[in-house]
Full PDB file with SEQRES, HELIX, SHEET, SSBOND, CRYST1, ORIGX, SCALE, CONECT and MASTER records, all heavy atoms in Angstrom:
SEQRES   1 A   42  ALA VAL GLU ALA LEU PHE GLY GLN ALA ALA ALA PRO ASN          
SEQRES   2 A   42  PHE THR TRP THR ILE ASN GLN ILE PRO GLU PRO GLY THR          
SEQRES   3 A   42  PHE LEU LEU VAL ALA THR GLY LEU GLY LEU LEU ALA ALA          
SEQRES   4 A   42  VAL ARG ARG                                                  
HELIX    1 AA1 VAL A    2  PHE A    6  1                                   5    
HELIX    2 AA2 PRO A   24  ARG A   41  1                                  18    
CRYST1    1.000    1.000    1.000  90.00  90.00  90.00 P 1           1          
ORIGX1      1.000000  0.000000  0.000000        0.00000                         
ORIGX2      0.000000  1.000000  0.000000        0.00000                         
ORIGX3      0.000000  0.000000  1.000000        0.00000                         
SCALE1      1.000000  0.000000  0.000000        0.00000                         
SCALE2      0.000000  1.000000  0.000000        0.00000                         
SCALE3      0.000000  0.000000  1.000000        0.00000                         
ATOM      1  N   ALA A   1      18.268  11.668   0.411  1.00  0.00           N  
ATOM      2  CA  ALA A   1      19.225  11.449  -0.715  1.00  0.00           C  
ATOM      3  C   ALA A   1      18.881  12.276  -1.955  1.00  0.00           C  
ATOM      4  O   ALA A   1      19.767  12.865  -2.638  1.00  0.00           O  
ATOM      5  CB  ALA A   1      19.151   9.981  -1.093  1.00  0.00           C  
ATOM      6  N   VAL A   2      17.546  12.329  -2.212  1.00  0.00           N  
ATOM      7  CA  VAL A   2      17.171  13.133  -3.390  1.00  0.00           C  
ATOM      8  C   VAL A   2      17.542  14.661  -3.070  1.00  0.00           C  
ATOM      9  O   VAL A   2      18.040  15.304  -4.017  1.00  0.00           O  
ATOM     10  CB  VAL A   2      15.672  13.036  -3.655  1.00  0.00           C  
ATOM     11  CG1 VAL A   2      15.225  13.982  -4.584  1.00  0.00           C  
ATOM     12  CG2 VAL A   2      15.442  11.669  -4.267  1.00  0.00           C  
ATOM     13  N   GLU A   3      17.204  15.167  -1.981  1.00  0.00           N  
ATOM     14  CA  GLU A   3      17.448  16.634  -1.728  1.00  0.00           C  
ATOM     15  C   GLU A   3      18.912  16.814  -1.638  1.00  0.00           C  
ATOM     16  O   GLU A   3      19.337  17.820  -2.087  1.00  0.00           O  
ATOM     17  CB  GLU A   3      16.783  16.880  -0.258  1.00  0.00           C  
ATOM     18  CG  GLU A   3      15.302  16.934  -0.283  1.00  0.00           C  
ATOM     19  CD  GLU A   3      14.723  17.148   0.993  1.00  0.00           C  
ATOM     20  OE1 GLU A   3      15.444  17.043   2.052  1.00  0.00           O  
ATOM     21  OE2 GLU A   3      13.504  17.526   1.120  1.00  0.00           O  
ATOM     22  N   ALA A   4      19.722  15.950  -1.220  1.00  0.00           N  
ATOM     23  CA  ALA A   4      21.172  16.120  -1.177  1.00  0.00           C  
ATOM     24  C   ALA A   4      21.824  16.124  -2.657  1.00  0.00           C  
ATOM     25  O   ALA A   4      22.780  16.860  -2.995  1.00  0.00           O  
ATOM     26  CB  ALA A   4      21.880  14.978  -0.367  1.00  0.00           C  
ATOM     27  N   LEU A   5      21.165  15.269  -3.483  1.00  0.00           N  
ATOM     28  CA  LEU A   5      21.643  15.240  -4.882  1.00  0.00           C  
ATOM     29  C   LEU A   5      21.363  16.443  -5.726  1.00  0.00           C  
ATOM     30  O   LEU A   5      22.164  16.943  -6.451  1.00  0.00           O  
ATOM     31  CB  LEU A   5      21.117  13.955  -5.618  1.00  0.00           C  
ATOM     32  CG  LEU A   5      21.614  13.674  -7.018  1.00  0.00           C  
ATOM     33  CD1 LEU A   5      23.095  13.094  -6.746  1.00  0.00           C  
ATOM     34  CD2 LEU A   5      20.737  12.640  -7.606  1.00  0.00           C  
ATOM     35  N   PHE A   6      20.223  17.146  -5.502  1.00  0.00           N  
ATOM     36  CA  PHE A   6      19.877  18.312  -6.213  1.00  0.00           C  
ATOM     37  C   PHE A   6      19.834  19.559  -5.457  1.00  0.00           C  
ATOM     38  O   PHE A   6      19.662  20.643  -6.101  1.00  0.00           O  
ATOM     39  CB  PHE A   6      18.477  17.973  -6.803  1.00  0.00           C  
ATOM     40  CG  PHE A   6      18.442  16.918  -7.745  1.00  0.00           C  
ATOM     41  CD1 PHE A   6      17.735  15.719  -7.424  1.00  0.00           C  
ATOM     42  CD2 PHE A   6      19.018  17.004  -8.995  1.00  0.00           C  
ATOM     43  CE1 PHE A   6      17.723  14.582  -8.278  1.00  0.00           C  
ATOM     44  CE2 PHE A   6      18.953  15.865  -9.835  1.00  0.00           C  
ATOM     45  CZ  PHE A   6      18.303  14.628  -9.452  1.00  0.00           C  
ATOM     46  N   GLY A   7      20.025  19.587  -4.183  1.00  0.00           N  
ATOM     47  CA  GLY A   7      20.057  20.761  -3.411  1.00  0.00           C  
ATOM     48  C   GLY A   7      18.630  21.040  -2.926  1.00  0.00           C  
ATOM     49  O   GLY A   7      17.662  20.804  -3.619  1.00  0.00           O  
ATOM     50  N   GLN A   8      18.421  21.442  -1.750  1.00  0.00           N  
ATOM     51  CA  GLN A   8      17.115  21.650  -1.104  1.00  0.00           C  
ATOM     52  C   GLN A   8      16.556  22.900  -1.484  1.00  0.00           C  
ATOM     53  O   GLN A   8      17.069  23.882  -1.357  1.00  0.00           O  
ATOM     54  CB  GLN A   8      17.285  21.501   0.365  1.00  0.00           C  
ATOM     55  CG  GLN A   8      16.013  20.896   0.969  1.00  0.00           C  
ATOM     56  CD  GLN A   8      16.172  20.624   2.456  1.00  0.00           C  
ATOM     57  OE1 GLN A   8      15.789  21.457   3.266  1.00  0.00           O  
ATOM     58  NE2 GLN A   8      16.592  19.482   2.835  1.00  0.00           N  
ATOM     59  N   ALA A   9      15.269  22.849  -1.904  1.00  0.00           N  
ATOM     60  CA  ALA A   9      14.571  24.094  -2.306  1.00  0.00           C  
ATOM     61  C   ALA A   9      14.089  24.742  -1.007  1.00  0.00           C  
ATOM     62  O   ALA A   9      14.043  24.223  -0.033  1.00  0.00           O  
ATOM     63  CB  ALA A   9      13.299  23.651  -3.266  1.00  0.00           C  
ATOM     64  N   ALA A  10      13.578  26.061  -1.265  1.00  0.00           N  
ATOM     65  CA  ALA A  10      13.147  26.808  -0.174  1.00  0.00           C  
ATOM     66  C   ALA A  10      11.864  26.349   0.411  1.00  0.00           C  
ATOM     67  O   ALA A  10      11.539  26.440   1.615  1.00  0.00           O  
ATOM     68  CB  ALA A  10      13.041  28.296  -0.572  1.00  0.00           C  
ATOM     69  N   ALA A  11      10.974  25.868  -0.548  1.00  0.00           N  
ATOM     70  CA  ALA A  11       9.592  25.335  -0.051  1.00  0.00           C  
ATOM     71  C   ALA A  11       9.366  24.088  -0.810  1.00  0.00           C  
ATOM     72  O   ALA A  11       9.870  23.861  -1.946  1.00  0.00           O  
ATOM     73  CB  ALA A  11       8.641  26.345  -0.383  1.00  0.00           C  
ATOM     74  N   PRO A  12       8.592  23.126  -0.321  1.00  0.00           N  
ATOM     75  CA  PRO A  12       8.328  21.941  -0.996  1.00  0.00           C  
ATOM     76  C   PRO A  12       7.492  22.114  -2.307  1.00  0.00           C  
ATOM     77  O   PRO A  12       6.792  22.949  -2.433  1.00  0.00           O  
ATOM     78  CB  PRO A  12       7.257  21.199   0.066  1.00  0.00           C  
ATOM     79  CG  PRO A  12       7.508  21.803   1.370  1.00  0.00           C  
ATOM     80  CD  PRO A  12       7.968  23.363   1.008  1.00  0.00           C  
ATOM     81  N   ASN A  13       7.949  21.366  -3.315  1.00  0.00           N  
ATOM     82  CA  ASN A  13       7.470  21.392  -4.554  1.00  0.00           C  
ATOM     83  C   ASN A  13       7.265  20.040  -5.200  1.00  0.00           C  
ATOM     84  O   ASN A  13       6.905  19.919  -6.378  1.00  0.00           O  
ATOM     85  CB  ASN A  13       8.255  22.452  -5.593  1.00  0.00           C  
ATOM     86  CG  ASN A  13       9.661  21.832  -5.804  1.00  0.00           C  
ATOM     87  OD1 ASN A  13      10.052  20.791  -5.343  1.00  0.00           O  
ATOM     88  ND2 ASN A  13      10.397  22.601  -6.564  1.00  0.00           N  
ATOM     89  N   PHE A  14       7.346  19.007  -4.320  1.00  0.00           N  
ATOM     90  CA  PHE A  14       6.981  17.673  -4.830  1.00  0.00           C  
ATOM     91  C   PHE A  14       6.379  16.939  -3.782  1.00  0.00           C  
ATOM     92  O   PHE A  14       6.951  16.922  -2.711  1.00  0.00           O  
ATOM     93  CB  PHE A  14       8.294  16.947  -5.427  1.00  0.00           C  
ATOM     94  CG  PHE A  14       8.165  15.660  -5.982  1.00  0.00           C  
ATOM     95  CD1 PHE A  14       7.841  15.375  -7.282  1.00  0.00           C  
ATOM     96  CD2 PHE A  14       8.101  14.449  -5.163  1.00  0.00           C  
ATOM     97  CE1 PHE A  14       7.556  14.167  -7.753  1.00  0.00           C  
ATOM     98  CE2 PHE A  14       7.847  13.255  -5.624  1.00  0.00           C  
ATOM     99  CZ  PHE A  14       7.522  13.134  -6.951  1.00  0.00           C  
ATOM    100  N   THR A  15       5.367  16.194  -3.998  1.00  0.00           N  
ATOM    101  CA  THR A  15       4.722  15.438  -3.053  1.00  0.00           C  
ATOM    102  C   THR A  15       4.791  13.925  -3.508  1.00  0.00           C  
ATOM    103  O   THR A  15       4.467  13.609  -4.638  1.00  0.00           O  
ATOM    104  CB  THR A  15       3.298  15.766  -2.925  1.00  0.00           C  
ATOM    105  OG1 THR A  15       3.191  17.121  -2.470  1.00  0.00           O  
ATOM    106  CG2 THR A  15       2.557  14.913  -1.809  1.00  0.00           C  
ATOM    107  N   TRP A  16       5.236  13.141  -2.572  1.00  0.00           N  
ATOM    108  CA  TRP A  16       5.528  11.675  -2.746  1.00  0.00           C  
ATOM    109  C   TRP A  16       4.364  10.973  -1.905  1.00  0.00           C  
ATOM    110  O   TRP A  16       4.600  10.993  -0.622  1.00  0.00           O  
ATOM    111  CB  TRP A  16       6.838  11.117  -2.424  1.00  0.00           C  
ATOM    112  CG  TRP A  16       7.217   9.868  -2.735  1.00  0.00           C  
ATOM    113  CD1 TRP A  16       6.573   8.927  -3.851  1.00  0.00           C  
ATOM    114  CD2 TRP A  16       8.206   8.953  -2.203  1.00  0.00           C  
ATOM    115  NE1 TRP A  16       7.131   7.636  -3.834  1.00  0.00           N  
ATOM    116  CE2 TRP A  16       8.184   7.723  -2.837  1.00  0.00           C  
ATOM    117  CE3 TRP A  16       9.133   9.215  -1.129  1.00  0.00           C  
ATOM    118  CZ2 TRP A  16       8.904   6.621  -2.510  1.00  0.00           C  
ATOM    119  CZ3 TRP A  16       9.858   8.218  -0.885  1.00  0.00           C  
ATOM    120  CH2 TRP A  16       9.876   6.943  -1.383  1.00  0.00           C  
ATOM    121  N   THR A  17       3.330  10.445  -2.404  1.00  0.00           N  
ATOM    122  CA  THR A  17       2.350   9.777  -1.627  1.00  0.00           C  
ATOM    123  C   THR A  17       2.820   8.221  -1.561  1.00  0.00           C  
ATOM    124  O   THR A  17       3.043   7.579  -2.555  1.00  0.00           O  
ATOM    125  CB  THR A  17       1.016   9.865  -2.211  1.00  0.00           C  
ATOM    126  OG1 THR A  17       0.623  11.310  -2.304  1.00  0.00           O  
ATOM    127  CG2 THR A  17      -0.127   9.083  -1.386  1.00  0.00           C  
ATOM    128  N   ILE A  18       2.826   7.695  -0.341  1.00  0.00           N  
ATOM    129  CA  ILE A  18       3.199   6.349  -0.080  1.00  0.00           C  
ATOM    130  C   ILE A  18       2.170   5.523   0.459  1.00  0.00           C  
ATOM    131  O   ILE A  18       1.505   5.813   1.510  1.00  0.00           O  
ATOM    132  CB  ILE A  18       4.463   6.265   0.937  1.00  0.00           C  
ATOM    133  CG1 ILE A  18       5.598   7.131   0.279  1.00  0.00           C  
ATOM    134  CG2 ILE A  18       4.923   4.942   1.102  1.00  0.00           C  
ATOM    135  CD1 ILE A  18       6.683   7.388   1.327  1.00  0.00           C  
ATOM    136  N   ASN A  19       1.868   4.377  -0.083  1.00  0.00           N  
ATOM    137  CA  ASN A  19       0.787   3.441   0.353  1.00  0.00           C  
ATOM    138  C   ASN A  19       1.346   2.137   0.632  1.00  0.00           C  
ATOM    139  O   ASN A  19       2.465   1.752   0.083  1.00  0.00           O  
ATOM    140  CB  ASN A  19      -0.277   3.301  -0.807  1.00  0.00           C  
ATOM    141  CG  ASN A  19      -1.010   4.539  -1.212  1.00  0.00           C  
ATOM    142  OD1 ASN A  19      -1.520   5.242  -0.317  1.00  0.00           O  
ATOM    143  ND2 ASN A  19      -0.935   4.847  -2.391  1.00  0.00           N  
ATOM    144  N   GLN A  20       0.685   1.520   1.618  1.00  0.00           N  
ATOM    145  CA  GLN A  20       1.145   0.082   1.872  1.00  0.00           C  
ATOM    146  C   GLN A  20       0.035  -0.849   1.462  1.00  0.00           C  
ATOM    147  O   GLN A  20      -1.143  -0.674   1.836  1.00  0.00           O  
ATOM    148  CB  GLN A  20       1.424  -0.026   3.298  1.00  0.00           C  
ATOM    149  CG  GLN A  20       2.028  -1.401   3.744  1.00  0.00           C  
ATOM    150  CD  GLN A  20       2.431  -1.423   5.236  1.00  0.00           C  
ATOM    151  OE1 GLN A  20       1.742  -1.152   6.029  1.00  0.00           O  
ATOM    152  NE2 GLN A  20       3.749  -1.683   5.373  1.00  0.00           N  
ATOM    153  N   ILE A  21       0.410  -1.869   0.731  1.00  0.00           N  
ATOM    154  CA  ILE A  21      -0.687  -2.798   0.248  1.00  0.00           C  
ATOM    155  C   ILE A  21      -0.269  -4.199   0.543  1.00  0.00           C  
ATOM    156  O   ILE A  21       0.913  -4.414   0.718  1.00  0.00           O  
ATOM    157  CB  ILE A  21      -0.986  -2.665  -1.273  1.00  0.00           C  
ATOM    158  CG1 ILE A  21       0.353  -3.072  -2.125  1.00  0.00           C  
ATOM    159  CG2 ILE A  21      -1.455  -1.417  -1.711  1.00  0.00           C  
ATOM    160  CD1 ILE A  21       0.072  -3.086  -3.593  1.00  0.00           C  
ATOM    161  N   PRO A  22      -1.142  -5.054   0.763  1.00  0.00           N  
ATOM    162  CA  PRO A  22      -0.769  -6.463   1.357  1.00  0.00           C  
ATOM    163  C   PRO A  22      -0.134  -7.211   0.175  1.00  0.00           C  
ATOM    164  O   PRO A  22      -0.471  -7.078  -0.940  1.00  0.00           O  
ATOM    165  CB  PRO A  22      -2.134  -6.977   1.638  1.00  0.00           C  
ATOM    166  CG  PRO A  22      -3.081  -6.369   0.840  1.00  0.00           C  
ATOM    167  CD  PRO A  22      -2.618  -4.961   0.746  1.00  0.00           C  
ATOM    168  N   GLU A  23       0.804  -8.076   0.595  1.00  0.00           N  
ATOM    169  CA  GLU A  23       1.442  -8.961  -0.352  1.00  0.00           C  
ATOM    170  C   GLU A  23       0.346  -9.924  -0.907  1.00  0.00           C  
ATOM    171  O   GLU A  23      -0.588 -10.242  -0.217  1.00  0.00           O  
ATOM    172  CB  GLU A  23       2.540  -9.624   0.135  1.00  0.00           C  
ATOM    173  CG  GLU A  23       2.382 -10.491   1.412  1.00  0.00           C  
ATOM    174  CD  GLU A  23       3.734 -11.053   1.840  1.00  0.00           C  
ATOM    175  OE1 GLU A  23       4.381 -11.656   1.091  1.00  0.00           O  
ATOM    176  OE2 GLU A  23       4.085 -10.688   3.023  1.00  0.00           O  
ATOM    177  N   PRO A  24       0.384 -10.384  -2.087  1.00  0.00           N  
ATOM    178  CA  PRO A  24      -0.623 -11.188  -2.763  1.00  0.00           C  
ATOM    179  C   PRO A  24      -0.976 -12.374  -1.814  1.00  0.00           C  
ATOM    180  O   PRO A  24      -2.238 -12.817  -1.903  1.00  0.00           O  
ATOM    181  CB  PRO A  24       0.034 -11.703  -4.022  1.00  0.00           C  
ATOM    182  CG  PRO A  24       0.900 -10.517  -4.426  1.00  0.00           C  
ATOM    183  CD  PRO A  24       1.485 -10.006  -3.090  1.00  0.00           C  
ATOM    184  N   GLY A  25       0.036 -13.039  -1.114  1.00  0.00           N  
ATOM    185  CA  GLY A  25      -0.402 -14.265  -0.479  1.00  0.00           C  
ATOM    186  C   GLY A  25      -1.367 -13.957   0.676  1.00  0.00           C  
ATOM    187  O   GLY A  25      -2.291 -14.659   0.887  1.00  0.00           O  
ATOM    188  N   THR A  26      -1.152 -12.792   1.337  1.00  0.00           N  
ATOM    189  CA  THR A  26      -1.993 -12.171   2.430  1.00  0.00           C  
ATOM    190  C   THR A  26      -3.371 -11.809   1.826  1.00  0.00           C  
ATOM    191  O   THR A  26      -4.364 -12.180   2.415  1.00  0.00           O  
ATOM    192  CB  THR A  26      -1.421 -11.052   3.063  1.00  0.00           C  
ATOM    193  OG1 THR A  26      -0.181 -11.432   3.700  1.00  0.00           O  
ATOM    194  CG2 THR A  26      -2.237 -10.525   4.231  1.00  0.00           C  
ATOM    195  N   PHE A  27      -3.339 -11.186   0.726  1.00  0.00           N  
ATOM    196  CA  PHE A  27      -4.596 -10.757   0.103  1.00  0.00           C  
ATOM    197  C   PHE A  27      -5.448 -11.950  -0.272  1.00  0.00           C  
ATOM    198  O   PHE A  27      -6.612 -11.961  -0.021  1.00  0.00           O  
ATOM    199  CB  PHE A  27      -4.287  -9.843  -1.154  1.00  0.00           C  
ATOM    200  CG  PHE A  27      -5.500  -9.319  -1.844  1.00  0.00           C  
ATOM    201  CD1 PHE A  27      -6.063  -8.104  -1.452  1.00  0.00           C  
ATOM    202  CD2 PHE A  27      -6.038 -10.051  -2.806  1.00  0.00           C  
ATOM    203  CE1 PHE A  27      -7.117  -7.536  -2.015  1.00  0.00           C  
ATOM    204  CE2 PHE A  27      -7.207  -9.431  -3.462  1.00  0.00           C  
ATOM    205  CZ  PHE A  27      -7.647  -8.136  -3.030  1.00  0.00           C  
ATOM    206  N   LEU A  28      -4.818 -12.872  -0.893  1.00  0.00           N  
ATOM    207  CA  LEU A  28      -5.555 -14.084  -1.393  1.00  0.00           C  
ATOM    208  C   LEU A  28      -6.062 -14.823  -0.177  1.00  0.00           C  
ATOM    209  O   LEU A  28      -7.166 -15.428  -0.183  1.00  0.00           O  
ATOM    210  CB  LEU A  28      -4.763 -14.920  -2.352  1.00  0.00           C  
ATOM    211  CG  LEU A  28      -4.322 -14.314  -3.668  1.00  0.00           C  
ATOM    212  CD1 LEU A  28      -3.387 -15.169  -4.441  1.00  0.00           C  
ATOM    213  CD2 LEU A  28      -5.601 -13.957  -4.517  1.00  0.00           C  
ATOM    214  N   LEU A  29      -5.272 -14.907   0.819  1.00  0.00           N  
ATOM    215  CA  LEU A  29      -5.668 -15.692   2.124  1.00  0.00           C  
ATOM    216  C   LEU A  29      -6.901 -15.004   2.684  1.00  0.00           C  
ATOM    217  O   LEU A  29      -7.909 -15.706   3.121  1.00  0.00           O  
ATOM    218  CB  LEU A  29      -4.616 -15.656   3.115  1.00  0.00           C  
ATOM    219  CG  LEU A  29      -4.861 -16.452   4.466  1.00  0.00           C  
ATOM    220  CD1 LEU A  29      -5.105 -17.962   4.164  1.00  0.00           C  
ATOM    221  CD2 LEU A  29      -3.669 -16.320   5.343  1.00  0.00           C  
ATOM    222  N   VAL A  30      -6.874 -13.768   2.804  1.00  0.00           N  
ATOM    223  CA  VAL A  30      -8.060 -12.952   3.273  1.00  0.00           C  
ATOM    224  C   VAL A  30      -9.254 -13.221   2.400  1.00  0.00           C  
ATOM    225  O   VAL A  30     -10.391 -13.406   2.852  1.00  0.00           O  
ATOM    226  CB  VAL A  30      -7.800 -11.406   3.434  1.00  0.00           C  
ATOM    227  CG1 VAL A  30      -9.003 -10.613   3.686  1.00  0.00           C  
ATOM    228  CG2 VAL A  30      -6.722 -11.224   4.495  1.00  0.00           C  
ATOM    229  N   ALA A  31      -9.022 -13.103   0.934  1.00  0.00           N  
ATOM    230  CA  ALA A  31     -10.103 -13.198   0.065  1.00  0.00           C  
ATOM    231  C   ALA A  31     -10.749 -14.664   0.236  1.00  0.00           C  
ATOM    232  O   ALA A  31     -11.894 -14.940   0.290  1.00  0.00           O  
ATOM    233  CB  ALA A  31      -9.640 -13.028  -1.182  1.00  0.00           C  
ATOM    234  N   THR A  32      -9.857 -15.712   0.420  1.00  0.00           N  
ATOM    235  CA  THR A  32     -10.489 -17.047   0.576  1.00  0.00           C  
ATOM    236  C   THR A  32     -11.193 -17.186   1.823  1.00  0.00           C  
ATOM    237  O   THR A  32     -12.331 -17.767   2.019  1.00  0.00           O  
ATOM    238  CB  THR A  32      -9.186 -17.925   0.587  1.00  0.00           C  
ATOM    239  OG1 THR A  32      -8.299 -17.861  -0.637  1.00  0.00           O  
ATOM    240  CG2 THR A  32      -9.627 -19.430   0.686  1.00  0.00           C  
ATOM    241  N   GLY A  33     -10.663 -16.469   2.784  1.00  0.00           N  
ATOM    242  CA  GLY A  33     -11.370 -16.674   4.181  1.00  0.00           C  
ATOM    243  C   GLY A  33     -12.794 -15.919   4.104  1.00  0.00           C  
ATOM    244  O   GLY A  33     -13.714 -16.527   4.553  1.00  0.00           O  
ATOM    245  N   LEU A  34     -12.734 -14.832   3.450  1.00  0.00           N  
ATOM    246  CA  LEU A  34     -14.118 -14.194   3.306  1.00  0.00           C  
ATOM    247  C   LEU A  34     -15.106 -14.935   2.419  1.00  0.00           C  
ATOM    248  O   LEU A  34     -16.237 -15.015   2.638  1.00  0.00           O  
ATOM    249  CB  LEU A  34     -13.977 -12.660   2.657  1.00  0.00           C  
ATOM    250  CG  LEU A  34     -13.143 -11.729   3.460  1.00  0.00           C  
ATOM    251  CD1 LEU A  34     -12.943 -10.506   2.636  1.00  0.00           C  
ATOM    252  CD2 LEU A  34     -13.972 -11.505   4.640  1.00  0.00           C  
ATOM    253  N   GLY A  35     -14.530 -15.664   1.446  1.00  0.00           N  
ATOM    254  CA  GLY A  35     -15.238 -16.532   0.585  1.00  0.00           C  
ATOM    255  C   GLY A  35     -15.839 -17.669   1.241  1.00  0.00           C  
ATOM    256  O   GLY A  35     -17.156 -18.060   1.204  1.00  0.00           O  
ATOM    257  N   LEU A  36     -15.024 -18.285   2.153  1.00  0.00           N  
ATOM    258  CA  LEU A  36     -15.513 -19.374   3.063  1.00  0.00           C  
ATOM    259  C   LEU A  36     -16.575 -18.979   3.861  1.00  0.00           C  
ATOM    260  O   LEU A  36     -17.610 -19.543   4.282  1.00  0.00           O  
ATOM    261  CB  LEU A  36     -14.462 -20.093   3.868  1.00  0.00           C  
ATOM    262  CG  LEU A  36     -13.395 -20.869   2.862  1.00  0.00           C  
ATOM    263  CD1 LEU A  36     -12.136 -21.231   3.646  1.00  0.00           C  
ATOM    264  CD2 LEU A  36     -14.006 -22.073   2.191  1.00  0.00           C  
ATOM    265  N   LEU A  37     -16.392 -17.826   4.544  1.00  0.00           N  
ATOM    266  CA  LEU A  37     -17.318 -17.179   5.478  1.00  0.00           C  
ATOM    267  C   LEU A  37     -18.697 -16.883   4.770  1.00  0.00           C  
ATOM    268  O   LEU A  37     -19.753 -17.276   5.334  1.00  0.00           O  
ATOM    269  CB  LEU A  37     -16.825 -15.925   6.133  1.00  0.00           C  
ATOM    270  CG  LEU A  37     -17.818 -15.137   7.065  1.00  0.00           C  
ATOM    271  CD1 LEU A  37     -18.011 -16.048   8.286  1.00  0.00           C  
ATOM    272  CD2 LEU A  37     -17.133 -13.959   7.448  1.00  0.00           C  
ATOM    273  N   ALA A  38     -18.625 -16.496   3.600  1.00  0.00           N  
ATOM    274  CA  ALA A  38     -19.911 -16.192   2.803  1.00  0.00           C  
ATOM    275  C   ALA A  38     -20.671 -17.489   2.505  1.00  0.00           C  
ATOM    276  O   ALA A  38     -21.918 -17.627   2.578  1.00  0.00           O  
ATOM    277  CB  ALA A  38     -19.549 -15.495   1.464  1.00  0.00           C  
ATOM    278  N   ALA A  39     -19.825 -18.667   2.223  1.00  0.00           N  
ATOM    279  CA  ALA A  39     -20.397 -19.849   1.964  1.00  0.00           C  
ATOM    280  C   ALA A  39     -21.129 -20.463   3.127  1.00  0.00           C  
ATOM    281  O   ALA A  39     -22.234 -20.989   3.101  1.00  0.00           O  
ATOM    282  CB  ALA A  39     -19.364 -20.771   1.509  1.00  0.00           C  
ATOM    283  N   VAL A  40     -20.477 -20.245   4.362  1.00  0.00           N  
ATOM    284  CA  VAL A  40     -21.121 -20.753   5.551  1.00  0.00           C  
ATOM    285  C   VAL A  40     -22.347 -19.957   5.812  1.00  0.00           C  
ATOM    286  O   VAL A  40     -23.461 -20.645   6.237  1.00  0.00           O  
ATOM    287  CB  VAL A  40     -20.038 -20.613   6.725  1.00  0.00           C  
ATOM    288  CG1 VAL A  40     -20.828 -20.860   8.124  1.00  0.00           C  
ATOM    289  CG2 VAL A  40     -18.842 -21.453   6.508  1.00  0.00           C  
ATOM    290  N   ARG A  41     -22.374 -18.778   5.645  1.00  0.00           N  
ATOM    291  CA  ARG A  41     -23.577 -17.943   5.880  1.00  0.00           C  
ATOM    292  C   ARG A  41     -24.747 -18.316   4.980  1.00  0.00           C  
ATOM    293  O   ARG A  41     -25.881 -18.107   5.197  1.00  0.00           O  
ATOM    294  CB  ARG A  41     -23.267 -16.412   5.716  1.00  0.00           C  
ATOM    295  CG  ARG A  41     -22.411 -15.912   6.923  1.00  0.00           C  
ATOM    296  CD  ARG A  41     -22.136 -14.435   6.670  1.00  0.00           C  
ATOM    297  NE  ARG A  41     -21.492 -13.849   7.895  1.00  0.00           N  
ATOM    298  CZ  ARG A  41     -21.085 -12.721   8.037  1.00  0.00           C  
ATOM    299  NH1 ARG A  41     -21.229 -11.750   6.985  1.00  0.00           N  
ATOM    300  NH2 ARG A  41     -20.500 -12.209   9.149  1.00  0.00           N  
ATOM    301  N   ARG A  42     -24.368 -18.800   3.809  1.00  0.00           N  
ATOM    302  CA  ARG A  42     -25.462 -19.038   2.814  1.00  0.00           C  
ATOM    303  C   ARG A  42     -25.979 -20.582   2.918  1.00  0.00           C  
ATOM    304  O   ARG A  42     -26.976 -21.006   2.470  1.00  0.00           O  
ATOM    305  CB  ARG A  42     -24.909 -19.115   1.367  1.00  0.00           C  
ATOM    306  CG  ARG A  42     -24.705 -17.666   0.820  1.00  0.00           C  
ATOM    307  CD  ARG A  42     -24.593 -17.666  -0.642  1.00  0.00           C  
ATOM    308  NE  ARG A  42     -23.346 -18.473  -1.053  1.00  0.00           N  
ATOM    309  CZ  ARG A  42     -22.122 -17.964  -1.270  1.00  0.00           C  
ATOM    310  NH1 ARG A  42     -21.936 -16.699  -1.048  1.00  0.00           N  
ATOM    311  NH2 ARG A  42     -21.333 -18.779  -1.633  1.00  0.00           N  
TER     312      ARG A  42                                                      
MASTER        0    0    0    2    0    0    0    6  311    1    0    4          
END                                                                             
Protein backbone atom coordinates (compact mmCIF):
# COMPACT_ATOMS: atom_id res chain seq x y z
CA ALA A 1 0.00 0.00 0.00
CA VAL A 2 2.82 2.41 0.88
CA GLU A 3 4.79 1.59 -2.26
CA ALA A 4 1.68 2.03 -4.41
CA LEU A 5 0.88 5.39 -2.82
CA PHE A 6 4.31 6.90 -3.39
CA GLY A 7 5.75 4.84 -6.23
CA GLN A 8 8.34 2.13 -5.77
CA ALA A 9 11.98 3.17 -5.59
CA ALA A 10 14.75 1.37 -7.46
CA ALA A 11 16.36 0.14 -4.25
CA PRO A 12 15.17 -0.24 -0.64
CA ASN A 13 15.67 2.91 1.42
CA PHE A 14 13.44 2.27 4.41
CA THR A 15 13.57 -0.61 6.87
CA TRP A 16 10.56 -1.54 8.99
CA THR A 17 11.46 -3.85 11.87
CA ILE A 18 8.52 -5.79 13.24
CA ASN A 19 8.47 -7.44 16.66
CA GLN A 20 5.85 -9.59 18.32
CA ILE A 21 5.38 -9.15 22.05
CA PRO A 22 3.01 -11.02 24.35
CA GLU A 23 -0.22 -9.39 25.36
CA PRO A 24 -0.14 -8.28 29.02
CA GLY A 25 -2.41 -11.06 30.23
CA THR A 26 -0.02 -13.67 28.87
CA PHE A 27 3.03 -11.80 30.15
CA LEU A 28 1.61 -11.45 33.65
CA LEU A 29 0.50 -15.08 33.70
CA VAL A 30 4.01 -16.21 32.80
CA ALA A 31 5.51 -13.85 35.37
CA THR A 32 3.15 -15.16 38.05
CA GLY A 33 4.04 -18.73 37.17
CA LEU A 34 7.75 -17.97 37.39
CA GLY A 35 7.19 -16.28 40.74
CA LEU A 36 5.35 -19.31 42.12
CA LEU A 37 8.06 -21.61 40.82
CA ALA A 38 10.71 -19.51 42.58
CA ALA A 39 8.69 -19.63 45.78
CA VAL A 40 8.44 -23.39 45.61
CA ARG A 41 12.17 -23.69 45.04
CA ARG A 42 12.87 -21.55 48.11
